[in-house]
Amino acid sequence: MSDRRACCIPFCNRTSKPAPGQWICGKHWILADKALRSLYSRARRRFESGRYPNPEKQLRRGARLWQRILDQVLTRAVAA
């Protein structure tokens, strides 16, 4: 069995290096709205910097944005 992780879009055969969590390949990541991707990236950078006053709030915001992106990408990938 491979230690690599697969793209979380069903029937996508792309993989990446082993790491925790879900992953969306570049082919599918581009299907998400640019504004959503930007908001998610900003939330992730703020959380990782450790300078945000309330990291739990930033983590919840990032999780909500990730779920919105995942839903949008799944919908668009199935429709295509």
Protein backbone atom coordinates (compact mmCIF):
# COMPACT_ATOMS: atom_id res chain seq x y z
CA MET A 1 0.00 0.00 0.00
CA SER A 2 1.24 3.48 -0.87
CA ASP A 3 1.99 6.07 1.77
CA ARG A 4 0.89 8.85 -0.56
CA ARG A 5 -2.42 10.66 -0.11
CA ALA A 6 -4.94 10.98 -2.92
CA CYS A 7 -6.85 14.05 -4.04
CA CYS A 8 -10.13 14.18 -2.11
CA ILE A 9 -12.15 14.42 -5.34
CA PRO A 10 -13.62 10.99 -6.20
CA PHE A 11 -12.03 9.21 -9.18
CA CYS A 12 -9.05 11.60 -9.32
CA ASN A 13 -5.82 9.63 -9.50
CA ARG A 14 -3.46 12.42 -8.45
CA THR A 15 -1.43 11.98 -5.26
CA SER A 16 0.95 14.00 -3.11
CA LYS A 17 3.52 13.35 -0.43
CA PRO A 18 2.20 11.85 2.79
CA ALA A 19 0.84 14.44 5.19
CA PRO A 20 -2.13 14.74 7.55
CA GLY A 21 -5.43 16.15 6.37
CA GLN A 22 -7.24 16.41 3.08
CA TRP A 23 -5.72 17.62 -0.16
CA ILE A 24 -7.09 18.95 -3.46
CA CYS A 25 -4.86 18.62 -6.52
CA GLY A 26 -4.05 21.64 -8.66
CA LYS A 27 -6.33 20.48 -11.46
CA HIS A 28 -9.32 20.63 -9.12
CA TRP A 29 -8.13 23.53 -6.90
CA ILE A 30 -8.45 25.87 -9.86
CA LEU A 31 -12.19 25.06 -10.03
CA ALA A 32 -12.81 26.99 -6.78
CA ASP A 33 -13.57 30.70 -6.95
CA LYS A 34 -10.47 32.86 -6.74
CA ALA A 35 -12.00 34.93 -3.94
CA LEU A 36 -12.63 31.83 -1.80
CA ARG A 37 -9.11 30.54 -2.42
CA SER A 38 -7.72 33.92 -1.42
CA LEU A 39 -9.76 34.08 1.79
CA TYR A 40 -8.70 30.55 2.72
CA SER A 41 -5.03 31.28 2.06
CA ARG A 42 -5.18 34.43 4.17
CA ALA A 43 -6.86 32.59 7.05
CA ARG A 44 -4.28 29.81 6.85
CA ARG A 45 -1.34 32.25 6.86
CA ARG A 46 -2.78 34.11 9.85
CA PHE A 47 -3.26 30.88 11.77
CA GLU A 48 0.22 29.58 10.96
CA SER A 49 1.88 32.87 11.88
CA GLY A 50 0.77 32.51 15.50
CA ARG A 51 0.26 36.28 15.79
CA TYR A 52 -3.51 36.17 15.53
CA PRO A 53 -5.11 37.05 18.90
CA ASN A 54 -7.69 34.25 18.78
CA PRO A 55 -6.27 31.15 17.01
CA GLU A 56 -9.34 29.00 17.69
CA LYS A 57 -11.54 31.48 15.84
CA GLN A 58 -9.12 31.58 12.91
CA LEU A 59 -9.01 27.77 12.85
CA ARG A 60 -12.82 27.55 12.72
CA ARG A 61 -12.90 30.16 9.95
CA GLY A 62 -10.34 28.21 7.96
CA ALA A 63 -12.31 24.99 8.40
CA ARG A 64 -15.52 26.66 7.20
CA LEU A 65 -13.73 28.12 4.16
CA TRP A 66 -12.14 24.74 3.38
CA GLN A 67 -15.56 23.07 3.47
CA ARG A 68 -17.04 25.73 1.15
CA ILE A 69 -14.14 25.23 -1.28
CA LEU A 70 -14.47 21.45 -1.13
CA ASP A 71 -18.24 21.59 -1.76
CA GLN A 72 -17.76 23.96 -4.67
CA VAL A 73 -14.97 21.89 -6.24
CA LEU A 74 -16.92 18.63 -5.85
CA THR A 75 -19.96 20.17 -7.51
CA ARG A 76 -17.96 21.59 -10.39
CA ALA A 77 -15.84 18.46 -10.88
CA VAL A 78 -18.93 16.24 -11.13
CA ALA A 79 -20.63 18.67 -13.53
CA ALA A 80 -17.60 18.80 -15.84
